[in-house]
């Protein structure tokens, strides 16, 4: 669940401030904040936490837009595994990581 407020300072700059709640093995309340800057029609910088992305417009091909992007994000995954713990219930595990991606959309 995310609650965020966006404030557009001008047509190229937007500020975001809020919180996000992740229901995992340990509940987490994280900041959801950053800036979105679009200096021109080719670049978009979404410098946010927990997920940032920088995109470059490549052009229109076959009737669709193509973007090259790269990003980093903080992520937490939770899983229930079929392994009874000391209390007789199945164990739950959590994996925390940082991810980096690059792609075309």
PDB file of N, CA and C in Angstrom:
ATOM      1  N   UNK A   1       0.841  -1.149   0.000  1.00  0.00           N
ATOM      2  CA  UNK A   1       0.000   0.000   0.000  1.00  0.00           C
ATOM      3  C   UNK A   1       0.901   1.230   0.000  1.00  0.00           C
ATOM      4  N   UNK A   2       0.533   2.233  -0.806  1.00  0.00           N
ATOM      5  CA  UNK A   2       1.333   3.446  -0.929  1.00  0.00           C
ATOM      6  C   UNK A   2       0.425   4.654  -0.742  1.00  0.00           C
ATOM      7  N   UNK A   3       0.896   5.624   0.023  1.00  0.00           N
ATOM      8  CA  UNK A   3       0.236   6.921   0.142  1.00  0.00           C
ATOM      9  C   UNK A   3       1.290   7.959  -0.208  1.00  0.00           C
ATOM     10  N   UNK A   4       1.058   8.698  -1.281  1.00  0.00           N
ATOM     11  CA  UNK A   4       2.068   9.647  -1.740  1.00  0.00           C
ATOM     12  C   UNK A   4       1.392  10.925  -2.227  1.00  0.00           C
ATOM     13  N   UNK A   5       2.080  12.026  -2.021  1.00  0.00           N
ATOM     14  CA  UNK A   5       1.619  13.319  -2.497  1.00  0.00           C
ATOM     15  C   UNK A   5       2.638  13.815  -3.525  1.00  0.00           C
ATOM     16  N   UNK A   6       2.144  14.214  -4.688  1.00  0.00           N
ATOM     17  CA  UNK A   6       2.996  14.757  -5.733  1.00  0.00           C
ATOM     18  C   UNK A   6       2.782  16.266  -5.800  1.00  0.00           C
ATOM     19  N   UNK A   7       3.872  17.010  -5.887  1.00  0.00           N
ATOM     20  CA  UNK A   7       3.820  18.457  -6.013  1.00  0.00           C
ATOM     21  C   UNK A   7       4.594  18.842  -7.266  1.00  0.00           C
ATOM     22  N   UNK A   8       3.881  19.378  -8.257  1.00  0.00           N
ATOM     23  CA  UNK A   8       4.531  19.755  -9.510  1.00  0.00           C
ATOM     24  C   UNK A   8       5.018  21.195  -9.384  1.00  0.00           C
ATOM     25  N   UNK A   9       6.335  21.364  -9.260  1.00  0.00           N
ATOM     26  CA  UNK A   9       6.934  22.684  -9.095  1.00  0.00           C
ATOM     27  C   UNK A   9       6.893  23.476 -10.404  1.00  0.00           C
ATOM     28  N   UNK A  10       7.135  22.809 -11.507  1.00  0.00           N
ATOM     29  CA  UNK A  10       7.007  23.392 -12.849  1.00  0.00           C
ATOM     30  C   UNK A  10       6.769  22.242 -13.819  1.00  0.00           C
ATOM     31  N   UNK A  11       6.576  22.511 -15.105  1.00  0.00           N
ATOM     32  CA  UNK A  11       6.256  21.412 -16.035  1.00  0.00           C
ATOM     33  C   UNK A  11       7.318  20.317 -16.139  1.00  0.00           C
ATOM     34  N   UNK A  12       8.546  20.595 -15.715  1.00  0.00           N
ATOM     35  CA  UNK A  12       9.604  19.589 -15.830  1.00  0.00           C
ATOM     36  C   UNK A  12      10.012  18.958 -14.505  1.00  0.00           C
ATOM     37  N   UNK A  13       9.505  19.456 -13.389  1.00  0.00           N
ATOM     38  CA  UNK A  13       9.968  18.995 -12.084  1.00  0.00           C
ATOM     39  C   UNK A  13       8.784  18.703 -11.161  1.00  0.00           C
ATOM     40  N   UNK A  14       8.764  17.481 -10.627  1.00  0.00           N
ATOM     41  CA  UNK A  14       7.727  17.054  -9.694  1.00  0.00           C
ATOM     42  C   UNK A  14       8.392  16.438  -8.466  1.00  0.00           C
ATOM     43  N   UNK A  15       7.912  16.810  -7.288  1.00  0.00           N
ATOM     44  CA  UNK A  15       8.399  16.242  -6.031  1.00  0.00           C
ATOM     45  C   UNK A  15       7.377  15.246  -5.515  1.00  0.00           C
ATOM     46  N   UNK A  16       7.856  14.167  -4.901  1.00  0.00           N
ATOM     47  CA  UNK A  16       6.979  13.153  -4.316  1.00  0.00           C
ATOM     48  C   UNK A  16       7.393  12.937  -2.869  1.00  0.00           C
ATOM     49  N   UNK A  17       6.374  12.836  -1.993  1.00  0.00           N
ATOM     50  CA  UNK A  17       6.641  12.574  -0.586  1.00  0.00           C
ATOM     51  C   UNK A  17       5.516  11.710  -0.046  1.00  0.00           C
ATOM     52  N   UNK A  18       5.898  10.582   0.548  1.00  0.00           N
ATOM     53  CA  UNK A  18       4.880   9.693   1.088  1.00  0.00           C
ATOM     54  C   UNK A  18       5.494   8.519   1.812  1.00  0.00           C
ATOM     55  N   UNK A  19       4.661   7.516   2.061  1.00  0.00           N
ATOM     56  CA  UNK A  19       5.099   6.293   2.733  1.00  0.00           C
ATOM     57  C   UNK A  19       4.511   5.091   1.997  1.00  0.00           C
ATOM     58  N   UNK A  20       5.183   3.967   2.157  1.00  0.00           N
ATOM     59  CA  UNK A  20       4.686   2.712   1.617  1.00  0.00           C
ATOM     60  C   UNK A  20       4.724   1.656   2.724  1.00  0.00           C
ATOM     61  N   UNK A  21       3.741   0.775   2.713  1.00  0.00           N
ATOM     62  CA  UNK A  21       3.648  -0.299   3.703  1.00  0.00           C
ATOM     63  C   UNK A  21       3.810  -1.624   2.973  1.00  0.00           C
ATOM     64  N   UNK A  22       4.769  -2.435   3.417  1.00  0.00           N
ATOM     65  CA  UNK A  22       4.988  -3.758   2.837  1.00  0.00           C
ATOM     66  C   UNK A  22       4.639  -4.799   3.887  1.00  0.00           C
ATOM     67  N   UNK A  23       3.681  -5.649   3.571  1.00  0.00           N
ATOM     68  CA  UNK A  23       3.250  -6.736   4.450  1.00  0.00           C
ATOM     69  C   UNK A  23       4.123  -7.953   4.155  1.00  0.00           C
ATOM     70  N   UNK A  24       5.194  -8.100   4.890  1.00  0.00           N
ATOM     71  CA  UNK A  24       6.131  -9.207   4.720  1.00  0.00           C
ATOM     72  C   UNK A  24       6.173  -9.991   6.030  1.00  0.00           C
ATOM     73  N   UNK A  25       7.216 -10.800   6.240  1.00  0.00           N
ATOM     74  CA  UNK A  25       7.367 -11.517   7.504  1.00  0.00           C
ATOM     75  C   UNK A  25       7.431 -10.488   8.637  1.00  0.00           C
ATOM     76  N   UNK A  26       8.252  -9.474   8.460  1.00  0.00           N
ATOM     77  CA  UNK A  26       8.275  -8.319   9.361  1.00  0.00           C
ATOM     78  C   UNK A  26       7.633  -7.167   8.589  1.00  0.00           C
ATOM     79  N   UNK A  27       6.566  -6.599   9.104  1.00  0.00           N
ATOM     80  CA  UNK A  27       5.935  -5.469   8.426  1.00  0.00           C
ATOM     81  C   UNK A  27       6.926  -4.322   8.315  1.00  0.00           C
ATOM     82  N   UNK A  28       6.893  -3.657   7.158  1.00  0.00           N
ATOM     83  CA  UNK A  28       7.818  -2.558   6.926  1.00  0.00           C
ATOM     84  C   UNK A  28       7.049  -1.309   6.509  1.00  0.00           C
ATOM     85  N   UNK A  29       7.404  -0.193   7.093  1.00  0.00           N
ATOM     86  CA  UNK A  29       6.917   1.114   6.652  1.00  0.00           C
ATOM     87  C   UNK A  29       8.143   1.863   6.149  1.00  0.00           C
ATOM     88  N   UNK A  30       8.135   2.189   4.856  1.00  0.00           N
ATOM     89  CA  UNK A  30       9.288   2.812   4.210  1.00  0.00           C
ATOM     90  C   UNK A  30       8.909   4.167   3.641  1.00  0.00           C
ATOM     91  N   UNK A  31       9.882   5.052   3.505  1.00  0.00           N
ATOM     92  CA  UNK A  31       9.598   6.313   2.819  1.00  0.00           C
ATOM     93  C   UNK A  31       9.394   6.062   1.330  1.00  0.00           C
ATOM     94  N   UNK A  32       8.529   6.830   0.733  1.00  0.00           N
ATOM     95  CA  UNK A  32       8.349   6.817  -0.721  1.00  0.00           C
ATOM     96  C   UNK A  32       8.522   8.270  -1.127  1.00  0.00           C
ATOM     97  N   UNK A  33       9.706   8.607  -1.604  1.00  0.00           N
ATOM     98  CA  UNK A  33      10.005  10.013  -1.841  1.00  0.00           C
ATOM     99  C   UNK A  33      11.038  10.166  -2.941  1.00  0.00           C
ATOM    100  N   UNK A  34      11.069  11.357  -3.513  1.00  0.00           N
ATOM    101  CA  UNK A  34      12.057  11.670  -4.526  1.00  0.00           C
ATOM    102  C   UNK A  34      11.578  12.746  -5.465  1.00  0.00           C
ATOM    103  N   UNK A  35      12.247  12.812  -6.615  1.00  0.00           N
ATOM    104  CA  UNK A  35      11.900  13.803  -7.636  1.00  0.00           C
ATOM    105  C   UNK A  35      11.740  13.120  -8.982  1.00  0.00           C
ATOM    106  N   UNK A  36      10.905  13.712  -9.815  1.00  0.00           N
ATOM    107  CA  UNK A  36      10.750  13.295 -11.206  1.00  0.00           C
ATOM    108  C   UNK A  36      11.105  14.509 -12.051  1.00  0.00           C
ATOM    109  N   UNK A  37      12.145  14.354 -12.859  1.00  0.00           N
ATOM    110  CA  UNK A  37      12.628  15.475 -13.666  1.00  0.00           C
ATOM    111  C   UNK A  37      12.608  15.069 -15.128  1.00  0.00           C
ATOM    112  N   UNK A  38      11.932  15.835 -15.947  1.00  0.00           N
ATOM    113  CA  UNK A  38      11.880  15.606 -17.404  1.00  0.00           C
ATOM    114  C   UNK A  38      12.414  16.864 -18.089  1.00  0.00           C
ATOM    115  N   UNK A  39      13.729  16.950 -18.286  1.00  0.00           N
ATOM    116  CA  UNK A  39      14.316  18.163 -18.838  1.00  0.00           C
ATOM    117  C   UNK A  39      13.902  18.449 -20.286  1.00  0.00           C
ATOM    118  N   UNK A  40      13.561  17.406 -21.030  1.00  0.00           N
ATOM    119  CA  UNK A  40      13.082  17.572 -22.410  1.00  0.00           C
ATOM    120  C   UNK A  40      12.237  16.358 -22.783  1.00  0.00           C
ATOM    121  N   UNK A  41      11.844  16.247 -24.053  1.00  0.00           N
ATOM    122  CA  UNK A  41      10.969  15.137 -24.445  1.00  0.00           C
ATOM    123  C   UNK A  41      11.710  13.805 -24.586  1.00  0.00           C
ATOM    124  N   UNK A  42      13.033  13.801 -24.420  1.00  0.00           N
ATOM    125  CA  UNK A  42      13.808  12.573 -24.588  1.00  0.00           C
ATOM    126  C   UNK A  42      14.204  11.900 -23.273  1.00  0.00           C
ATOM    127  N   UNK A  43      14.345  12.664 -22.206  1.00  0.00           N
ATOM    128  CA  UNK A  43      14.841  12.131 -20.946  1.00  0.00           C
ATOM    129  C   UNK A  43      13.776  12.204 -19.859  1.00  0.00           C
ATOM    130  N   UNK A  44      13.775  11.192 -18.984  1.00  0.00           N
ATOM    131  CA  UNK A  44      12.958  11.216 -17.780  1.00  0.00           C
ATOM    132  C   UNK A  44      13.779  10.606 -16.648  1.00  0.00           C
ATOM    133  N   UNK A  45      13.934  11.341 -15.568  1.00  0.00           N
ATOM    134  CA  UNK A  45      14.674  10.895 -14.392  1.00  0.00           C
ATOM    135  C   UNK A  45      13.679  10.737 -13.245  1.00  0.00           C
ATOM    136  N   UNK A  46      13.426   9.512 -12.827  1.00  0.00           N
ATOM    137  CA  UNK A  46      12.577   9.233 -11.663  1.00  0.00           C
ATOM    138  C   UNK A  46      13.508   8.806 -10.528  1.00  0.00           C
ATOM    139  N   UNK A  47      13.990   9.779  -9.789  1.00  0.00           N
ATOM    140  CA  UNK A  47      14.958   9.528  -8.717  1.00  0.00           C
ATOM    141  C   UNK A  47      14.180   9.401  -7.415  1.00  0.00           C
ATOM    142  N   UNK A  48      13.711   8.193  -7.161  1.00  0.00           N
ATOM    143  CA  UNK A  48      12.797   7.914  -6.053  1.00  0.00           C
ATOM    144  C   UNK A  48      13.372   6.798  -5.183  1.00  0.00           C
ATOM    145  N   UNK A  49      12.859   6.708  -3.976  1.00  0.00           N
ATOM    146  CA  UNK A  49      13.105   5.541  -3.140  1.00  0.00           C
ATOM    147  C   UNK A  49      11.742   4.929  -2.843  1.00  0.00           C
ATOM    148  N   UNK A  50      11.570   3.653  -3.023  1.00  0.00           N
ATOM    149  CA  UNK A  50      12.533   2.567  -3.137  1.00  0.00           C
ATOM    150  C   UNK A  50      12.857   2.141  -4.578  1.00  0.00           C
ATOM    151  N   UNK A  51      12.350   2.849  -5.590  1.00  0.00           N
ATOM    152  CA  UNK A  51      12.559   2.403  -6.970  1.00  0.00           C
ATOM    153  C   UNK A  51      12.843   3.609  -7.857  1.00  0.00           C
ATOM    154  N   UNK A  52      14.047   3.647  -8.440  1.00  0.00           N
ATOM    155  CA  UNK A  52      14.447   4.738  -9.327  1.00  0.00           C
ATOM    156  C   UNK A  52      14.617   4.226 -10.747  1.00  0.00           C
ATOM    157  N   UNK A  53      14.403   5.147 -11.708  1.00  0.00           N
ATOM    158  CA  UNK A  53      14.554   4.757 -13.112  1.00  0.00           C
ATOM    159  C   UNK A  53      14.932   5.988 -13.936  1.00  0.00           C
ATOM    160  N   UNK A  54      15.827   5.791 -14.883  1.00  0.00           N
ATOM    161  CA  UNK A  54      16.186   6.817 -15.857  1.00  0.00           C
ATOM    162  C   UNK A  54      15.842   6.269 -17.232  1.00  0.00           C
ATOM    163  N   UNK A  55      15.088   7.064 -18.007  1.00  0.00           N
ATOM    164  CA  UNK A  55      14.618   6.611 -19.318  1.00  0.00           C
ATOM    165  C   UNK A  55      15.045   7.581 -20.405  1.00  0.00           C
ATOM    166  N   UNK A  56      15.342   7.022 -21.578  1.00  0.00           N
ATOM    167  CA  UNK A  56      15.709   7.797 -22.763  1.00  0.00           C
ATOM    168  C   UNK A  56      14.800   7.383 -23.909  1.00  0.00           C
ATOM    169  N   UNK A  57      14.112   8.357 -24.503  1.00  0.00           N
ATOM    170  CA  UNK A  57      13.232   8.090 -25.643  1.00  0.00           C
ATOM    171  C   UNK A  57      14.073   7.831 -26.887  1.00  0.00           C
ATOM    172  N   UNK A  58      13.861   6.670 -27.519  1.00  0.00           N
ATOM    173  CA  UNK A  58      14.629   6.297 -28.702  1.00  0.00           C
ATOM    174  C   UNK A  58      13.939   6.686 -30.002  1.00  0.00           C
ATOM    175  N   UNK A  59      12.618   6.792 -29.968  1.00  0.00           N
ATOM    176  CA  UNK A  59      11.868   7.161 -31.171  1.00  0.00           C
ATOM    177  C   UNK A  59      10.644   6.288 -31.342  1.00  0.00           C
ATOM    178  N   UNK A  60       9.916   6.569 -32.390  1.00  0.00           N
ATOM    179  CA  UNK A  60       8.726   5.778 -32.722  1.00  0.00           C
ATOM    180  C   UNK A  60       9.082   4.770 -33.809  1.00  0.00           C
ATOM    181  N   UNK A  61       8.746   3.511 -33.552  1.00  0.00           N
ATOM    182  CA  UNK A  61       9.016   2.437 -34.497  1.00  0.00           C
ATOM    183  C   UNK A  61       7.758   1.611 -34.680  1.00  0.00           C
ATOM    184  N   UNK A  62       7.329   1.432 -35.906  1.00  0.00           N
ATOM    185  CA  UNK A  62       6.163   0.605 -36.231  1.00  0.00           C
ATOM    186  C   UNK A  62       4.929   1.009 -35.420  1.00  0.00           C
ATOM    187  N   UNK A  63       4.747   2.298 -35.227  1.00  0.00           N
ATOM    188  CA  UNK A  63       3.562   2.789 -34.544  1.00  0.00           C
ATOM    189  C   UNK A  63       3.603   2.748 -33.024  1.00  0.00           C
ATOM    190  N   UNK A  64       4.753   2.466 -32.441  1.00  0.00           N
ATOM    191  CA  UNK A  64       4.852   2.447 -30.979  1.00  0.00           C
ATOM    192  C   UNK A  64       6.124   3.164 -30.532  1.00  0.00           C
ATOM    193  N   UNK A  65       6.113   3.686 -29.334  1.00  0.00           N
ATOM    194  CA  UNK A  65       7.266   4.399 -28.790  1.00  0.00           C
ATOM    195  C   UNK A  65       8.252   3.415 -28.173  1.00  0.00           C
ATOM    196  N   UNK A  66       9.531   3.708 -28.320  1.00  0.00           N
ATOM    197  CA  UNK A  66      10.582   2.866 -27.742  1.00  0.00           C
ATOM    198  C   UNK A  66      11.407   3.696 -26.762  1.00  0.00           C
ATOM    199  N   UNK A  67      11.631   3.125 -25.581  1.00  0.00           N
ATOM    200  CA  UNK A  67      12.405   3.776 -24.529  1.00  0.00           C
ATOM    201  C   UNK A  67      13.499   2.837 -24.040  1.00  0.00           C
ATOM    202  N   UNK A  68      14.683   3.358 -23.836  1.00  0.00           N
ATOM    203  CA  UNK A  68      15.771   2.653 -23.172  1.00  0.00           C
ATOM    204  C   UNK A  68      15.762   3.116 -21.716  1.00  0.00           C
ATOM    205  N   UNK A  69      15.852   2.182 -20.768  1.00  0.00           N
ATOM    206  CA  UNK A  69      15.787   2.581 -19.366  1.00  0.00           C
ATOM    207  C   UNK A  69      16.754   1.762 -18.529  1.00  0.00           C
ATOM    208  N   UNK A  70      17.117   2.330 -17.417  1.00  0.00           N
ATOM    209  CA  UNK A  70      17.917   1.643 -16.409  1.00  0.00           C
ATOM    210  C   UNK A  70      17.407   2.063 -15.052  1.00  0.00           C
ATOM    211  N   UNK A  71      17.523   1.175 -14.098  1.00  0.00           N
ATOM    212  CA  UNK A  71      17.010   1.511 -12.779  1.00  0.00           C
ATOM    213  C   UNK A  71      17.626   0.679 -11.683  1.00  0.00           C
ATOM    214  N   UNK A  72      17.402   1.137 -10.466  1.00  0.00           N
ATOM    215  CA  UNK A  72      17.796   0.409  -9.263  1.00  0.00           C
ATOM    216  C   UNK A  72      16.615   0.449  -8.300  1.00  0.00           C
ATOM    217  N   UNK A  73      16.506  -0.594  -7.486  1.00  0.00           N
ATOM    218  CA  UNK A  73      15.414  -0.635  -6.521  1.00  0.00           C
ATOM    219  C   UNK A  73      15.788  -1.452  -5.301  1.00  0.00           C
ATOM    220  N   UNK A  74      15.152  -1.124  -4.206  1.00  0.00           N
ATOM    221  CA  UNK A  74      15.240  -1.872  -2.954  1.00  0.00           C
ATOM    222  C   UNK A  74      14.026  -2.781  -2.914  1.00  0.00           C
ATOM    223  N   UNK A  75      14.227  -4.056  -2.583  1.00  0.00           N
ATOM    224  CA  UNK A  75      13.128  -5.010  -2.644  1.00  0.00           C
ATOM    225  C   UNK A  75      13.202  -5.987  -1.477  1.00  0.00           C
ATOM    226  N   UNK A  76      12.035  -6.396  -1.001  1.00  0.00           N
ATOM    227  CA  UNK A  76      11.931  -7.418   0.041  1.00  0.00           C
ATOM    228  C   UNK A  76      10.872  -8.417  -0.393  1.00  0.00           C
ATOM    229  N   UNK A  77      11.231  -9.683  -0.470  1.00  0.00           N
ATOM    230  CA  UNK A  77      10.305 -10.758  -0.825  1.00  0.00           C
ATOM    231  C   UNK A  77      10.101 -11.646   0.396  1.00  0.00           C
ATOM    232  N   UNK A  78       8.884 -12.151   0.554  1.00  0.00           N
ATOM    233  CA  UNK A  78       8.579 -13.049   1.668  1.00  0.00           C
ATOM    234  C   UNK A  78       7.962 -14.324   1.119  1.00  0.00           C
ATOM    235  N   UNK A  79       8.319 -15.452   1.728  1.00  0.00           N
ATOM    236  CA  UNK A  79       7.832 -16.751   1.280  1.00  0.00           C
ATOM    237  C   UNK A  79       7.490 -17.617   2.487  1.00  0.00           C
ATOM    238  N   UNK A  80       6.453 -18.414   2.351  1.00  0.00           N
ATOM    239  CA  UNK A  80       6.149 -19.449   3.345  1.00  0.00           C
ATOM    240  C   UNK A  80       6.696 -20.755   2.788  1.00  0.00           C
ATOM    241  N   UNK A  81       7.489 -21.443   3.585  1.00  0.00           N
ATOM    242  CA  UNK A  81       8.086 -22.687   3.109  1.00  0.00           C
ATOM    243  C   UNK A  81       7.501 -23.857   3.893  1.00  0.00           C
ATOM    244  N   UNK A  82       7.467 -25.004   3.257  1.00  0.00           N
ATOM    245  CA  UNK A  82       6.873 -26.206   3.841  1.00  0.00           C
ATOM    246  C   UNK A  82       7.902 -26.900   4.733  1.00  0.00           C
ATOM    247  N   UNK A  83       8.202 -26.260   5.849  1.00  0.00           N
ATOM    248  CA  UNK A  83       9.168 -26.786   6.809  1.00  0.00           C
ATOM    249  C   UNK A  83       8.672 -26.400   8.194  1.00  0.00           C
ATOM    250  N   UNK A  84       8.100 -27.353   8.915  1.00  0.00           N
ATOM    251  CA  UNK A  84       7.562 -27.012  10.236  1.00  0.00           C
ATOM    252  C   UNK A  84       8.649 -26.499  11.181  1.00  0.00           C
ATOM    253  N   UNK A  85       8.348 -25.389  11.841  1.00  0.00           N
ATOM    254  CA  UNK A  85       9.265 -24.808  12.809  1.00  0.00           C
ATOM    255  C   UNK A  85       9.007 -25.389  14.188  1.00  0.00           C
ATOM    256  N   UNK A  86       9.670 -24.852  15.202  1.00  0.00           N
ATOM    257  CA  UNK A  86       9.504 -25.356  16.569  1.00  0.00           C
ATOM    258  C   UNK A  86       8.066 -25.251  17.089  1.00  0.00           C
ATOM    259  N   UNK A  87       7.304 -24.293  16.562  1.00  0.00           N
ATOM    260  CA  UNK A  87       5.926 -24.138  17.029  1.00  0.00           C
ATOM    261  C   UNK A  87       4.937 -24.980  16.218  1.00  0.00           C
ATOM    262  N   UNK A  88       5.421 -25.769  15.269  1.00  0.00           N
ATOM    263  CA  UNK A  88       4.565 -26.640  14.472  1.00  0.00           C
ATOM    264  C   UNK A  88       3.997 -25.992  13.230  1.00  0.00           C
ATOM    265  N   UNK A  89       4.185 -24.703  13.070  1.00  0.00           N
ATOM    266  CA  UNK A  89       3.699 -23.993  11.880  1.00  0.00           C
ATOM    267  C   UNK A  89       4.799 -23.946  10.834  1.00  0.00           C
ATOM    268  N   UNK A  90       4.395 -23.768   9.575  1.00  0.00           N
ATOM    269  CA  UNK A  90       5.381 -23.640   8.508  1.00  0.00           C
ATOM    270  C   UNK A  90       6.201 -22.370   8.697  1.00  0.00           C
ATOM    271  N   UNK A  91       7.461 -22.456   8.348  1.00  0.00           N
ATOM    272  CA  UNK A  91       8.363 -21.320   8.483  1.00  0.00           C
ATOM    273  C   UNK A  91       8.104 -20.287   7.391  1.00  0.00           C
ATOM    274  N   UNK A  92       8.431 -19.044   7.692  1.00  0.00           N
ATOM    275  CA  UNK A  92       8.378 -17.950   6.730  1.00  0.00           C
ATOM    276  C   UNK A  92       9.773 -17.371   6.628  1.00  0.00           C
ATOM    277  N   UNK A  93      10.180 -17.062   5.399  1.00  0.00           N
ATOM    278  CA  UNK A  93      11.499 -16.472   5.199  1.00  0.00           C
ATOM    279  C   UNK A  93      11.343 -15.178   4.419  1.00  0.00           C
ATOM    280  N   UNK A  94      12.375 -14.358   4.521  1.00  0.00           N
ATOM    281  CA  UNK A  94      12.373 -13.060   3.875  1.00  0.00           C
ATOM    282  C   UNK A  94      13.719 -12.862   3.194  1.00  0.00           C
ATOM    283  N   UNK A  95      13.696 -12.319   1.976  1.00  0.00           N
ATOM    284  CA  UNK A  95      14.931 -12.020   1.261  1.00  0.00           C
ATOM    285  C   UNK A  95      14.928 -10.536   0.917  1.00  0.00           C
ATOM    286  N   UNK A  96      15.994  -9.852   1.311  1.00  0.00           N
ATOM    287  CA  UNK A  96      16.142  -8.424   1.069  1.00  0.00           C
ATOM    288  C   UNK A  96      17.259  -8.247   0.050  1.00  0.00           C
ATOM    289  N   UNK A  97      17.007  -7.429  -0.983  1.00  0.00           N
ATOM    290  CA  UNK A  97      18.046  -7.208  -1.983  1.00  0.00           C
ATOM    291  C   UNK A  97      17.869  -5.860  -2.666  1.00  0.00           C
ATOM    292  N   UNK A  98      18.934  -5.492  -3.354  1.00  0.00           N
ATOM    293  CA  UNK A  98      18.921  -4.329  -4.241  1.00  0.00           C
ATOM    294  C   UNK A  98      19.031  -4.876  -5.645  1.00  0.00           C
ATOM    295  N   UNK A  99      18.235  -4.326  -6.557  1.00  0.00           N
ATOM    296  CA  UNK A  99      18.225  -4.823  -7.932  1.00  0.00           C
ATOM    297  C   UNK A  99      18.615  -3.712  -8.885  1.00  0.00           C
ATOM    298  N   UNK A 100      19.298  -4.104  -9.947  1.00  0.00           N
ATOM    299  CA  UNK A 100      19.622  -3.173 -11.039  1.00  0.00           C
ATOM    300  C   UNK A 100      19.079  -3.777 -12.330  1.00  0.00           C
ATOM    301  N   UNK A 101      18.422  -2.950 -13.112  1.00  0.00           N
ATOM    302  CA  UNK A 101      17.831  -3.431 -14.369  1.00  0.00           C
ATOM    303  C   UNK A 101      18.191  -2.483 -15.495  1.00  0.00           C
ATOM    304  N   UNK A 102      18.201  -3.022 -16.695  1.00  0.00           N
ATOM    305  CA  UNK A 102      18.342  -2.236 -17.897  1.00  0.00           C
ATOM    306  C   UNK A 102      17.489  -2.906 -18.966  1.00  0.00           C
ATOM    307  N   UNK A 103      16.835  -2.126 -19.789  1.00  0.00           N
ATOM    308  CA  UNK A 103      15.975  -2.728 -20.789  1.00  0.00           C
ATOM    309  C   UNK A 103      15.420  -1.728 -21.772  1.00  0.00           C
ATOM    310  N   UNK A 104      14.595  -2.246 -22.654  1.00  0.00           N
ATOM    311  CA  UNK A 104      13.885  -1.445 -23.651  1.00  0.00           C
ATOM    312  C   UNK A 104      12.415  -1.727 -23.501  1.00  0.00           C
ATOM    313  N   UNK A 105      11.612  -0.673 -23.501  1.00  0.00           N
ATOM    314  CA  UNK A 105      10.163  -0.868 -23.453  1.00  0.00           C
ATOM    315  C   UNK A 105       9.524  -0.064 -24.564  1.00  0.00           C
TER     316      UNK A 105
END
